[in-house]
Amino acid sequence: MELLRKSGTQKEIGKIKSIHLSEPLDGICETTVLICYGQRIRAVVVRLEGVDGRWLCTALRMI
C-alpha cells in the first residue's frame, strides 16, 4: 500500500530513466531505478538475495 500511495495516480505511467546495479557480495544484488512521472523523478531501491537458486526480494522502497 505504501508503494501505491507514493507512486502517485494510476493514470500517470512512469518511464524508466536509469537502472543502476551493484553486487556487494556474491548472491546479493542491490538496484536503484529512477522513474520519471512527468516533471517528477522517483527512486525505487530493491535488494535481492539469492536463496535456493531463486531471487528473494528482501527490501523494496520508493523514495
C-alpha atoms as a PDB file:
ATOM      1  CA  MET A   1       0.000   0.000   0.000  1.00  0.00           C
ATOM      2  CA  GLU A   2       2.908   2.339   0.764  1.00  0.00           C
ATOM      3  CA  LEU A   3       4.283   1.924  -2.779  1.00  0.00           C
ATOM      4  CA  LEU A   4       0.875   2.661  -4.291  1.00  0.00           C
ATOM      5  CA  ARG A   5       0.491   5.779  -2.175  1.00  0.00           C
ATOM      6  CA  LYS A   6       3.968   7.111  -3.052  1.00  0.00           C
ATOM      7  CA  SER A   7       3.778   6.316  -6.768  1.00  0.00           C
ATOM      8  CA  GLY A   8       1.037   8.871  -7.482  1.00  0.00           C
ATOM      9  CA  THR A   9      -2.038   8.444  -9.629  1.00  0.00           C
ATOM     10  CA  GLN A  10      -2.625   5.316 -11.651  1.00  0.00           C
ATOM     11  CA  LYS A  11      -3.458   7.456 -14.710  1.00  0.00           C
ATOM     12  CA  GLU A  12       0.158   8.568 -14.993  1.00  0.00           C
ATOM     13  CA  ILE A  13       2.541   5.836 -16.157  1.00  0.00           C
ATOM     14  CA  GLY A  14       6.154   6.238 -15.124  1.00  0.00           C
ATOM     15  CA  LYS A  15       9.024   5.904 -17.576  1.00  0.00           C
ATOM     16  CA  ILE A  16      12.312   4.335 -16.504  1.00  0.00           C
ATOM     17  CA  LYS A  17      15.124   6.870 -16.732  1.00  0.00           C
ATOM     18  CA  SER A  18      18.008   4.706 -15.491  1.00  0.00           C
ATOM     19  CA  ILE A  19      18.856   1.470 -13.699  1.00  0.00           C
ATOM     20  CA  HIS A  20      21.938   1.037 -11.514  1.00  0.00           C
ATOM     21  CA  LEU A  21      23.003  -2.429 -10.341  1.00  0.00           C
ATOM     22  CA  SER A  22      25.602  -3.397  -7.773  1.00  0.00           C
ATOM     23  CA  GLU A  23      26.630  -6.727  -6.306  1.00  0.00           C
ATOM     24  CA  PRO A  24      28.196  -6.003  -2.886  1.00  0.00           C
ATOM     25  CA  LEU A  25      28.520  -9.725  -2.069  1.00  0.00           C
ATOM     26  CA  ASP A  26      28.116 -12.932  -4.021  1.00  0.00           C
ATOM     27  CA  GLY A  27      24.401 -13.737  -4.279  1.00  0.00           C
ATOM     28  CA  ILE A  28      23.227 -10.218  -3.349  1.00  0.00           C
ATOM     29  CA  CYS A  29      22.041  -7.628  -5.877  1.00  0.00           C
ATOM     30  CA  GLU A  30      21.162  -4.053  -4.967  1.00  0.00           C
ATOM     31  CA  THR A  31      19.376  -1.994  -7.597  1.00  0.00           C
ATOM     32  CA  THR A  32      18.273   1.619  -7.909  1.00  0.00           C
ATOM     33  CA  VAL A  33      15.723   2.511 -10.589  1.00  0.00           C
ATOM     34  CA  LEU A  34      14.944   6.140 -11.413  1.00  0.00           C
ATOM     35  CA  ILE A  35      11.400   6.617 -12.722  1.00  0.00           C
ATOM     36  CA  CYS A  36      10.052   9.821 -14.306  1.00  0.00           C
ATOM     37  CA  TYR A  37       6.432  10.796 -13.638  1.00  0.00           C
ATOM     38  CA  GLY A  38       6.062  13.909 -15.785  1.00  0.00           C
ATOM     39  CA  GLN A  39       8.295  16.534 -14.124  1.00  0.00           C
ATOM     40  CA  ARG A  40       8.812  14.421 -11.001  1.00  0.00           C
ATOM     41  CA  ILE A  41      11.536  11.753 -10.586  1.00  0.00           C
ATOM     42  CA  ARG A  42      11.185   8.949  -8.041  1.00  0.00           C
ATOM     43  CA  ALA A  43      13.757   6.368  -6.979  1.00  0.00           C
ATOM     44  CA  VAL A  44      12.916   2.734  -6.304  1.00  0.00           C
ATOM     45  CA  VAL A  45      15.527   0.742  -4.419  1.00  0.00           C
ATOM     46  CA  VAL A  46      15.476  -3.052  -4.403  1.00  0.00           C
ATOM     47  CA  ARG A  47      17.648  -5.610  -2.612  1.00  0.00           C
ATOM     48  CA  LEU A  48      17.579  -9.161  -3.942  1.00  0.00           C
ATOM     49  CA  GLU A  49      19.248 -12.163  -2.323  1.00  0.00           C
ATOM     50  CA  GLY A  50      19.912 -15.497  -3.988  1.00  0.00           C
ATOM     51  CA  VAL A  51      18.236 -18.289  -1.986  1.00  0.00           C
ATOM     52  CA  ASP A  52      17.984 -21.901  -3.229  1.00  0.00           C
ATOM     53  CA  GLY A  53      18.579 -20.933  -6.867  1.00  0.00           C
ATOM     54  CA  ARG A  54      15.935 -18.176  -6.790  1.00  0.00           C
ATOM     55  CA  TRP A  55      15.980 -14.434  -6.171  1.00  0.00           C
ATOM     56  CA  LEU A  56      14.238 -13.274  -2.985  1.00  0.00           C
ATOM     57  CA  CYS A  57      13.316  -9.600  -2.652  1.00  0.00           C
ATOM     58  CA  THR A  58      14.326  -8.601   0.888  1.00  0.00           C
ATOM     59  CA  ALA A  59      13.850  -4.833   0.572  1.00  0.00           C
ATOM     60  CA  LEU A  60      11.739  -2.638  -1.705  1.00  0.00           C
ATOM     61  CA  ARG A  61      11.351   1.125  -1.164  1.00  0.00           C
ATOM     62  CA  MET A  62      10.179   4.094  -3.192  1.00  0.00           C
ATOM     63  CA  ILE A  63      11.866   7.342  -2.259  1.00  0.00           C
END
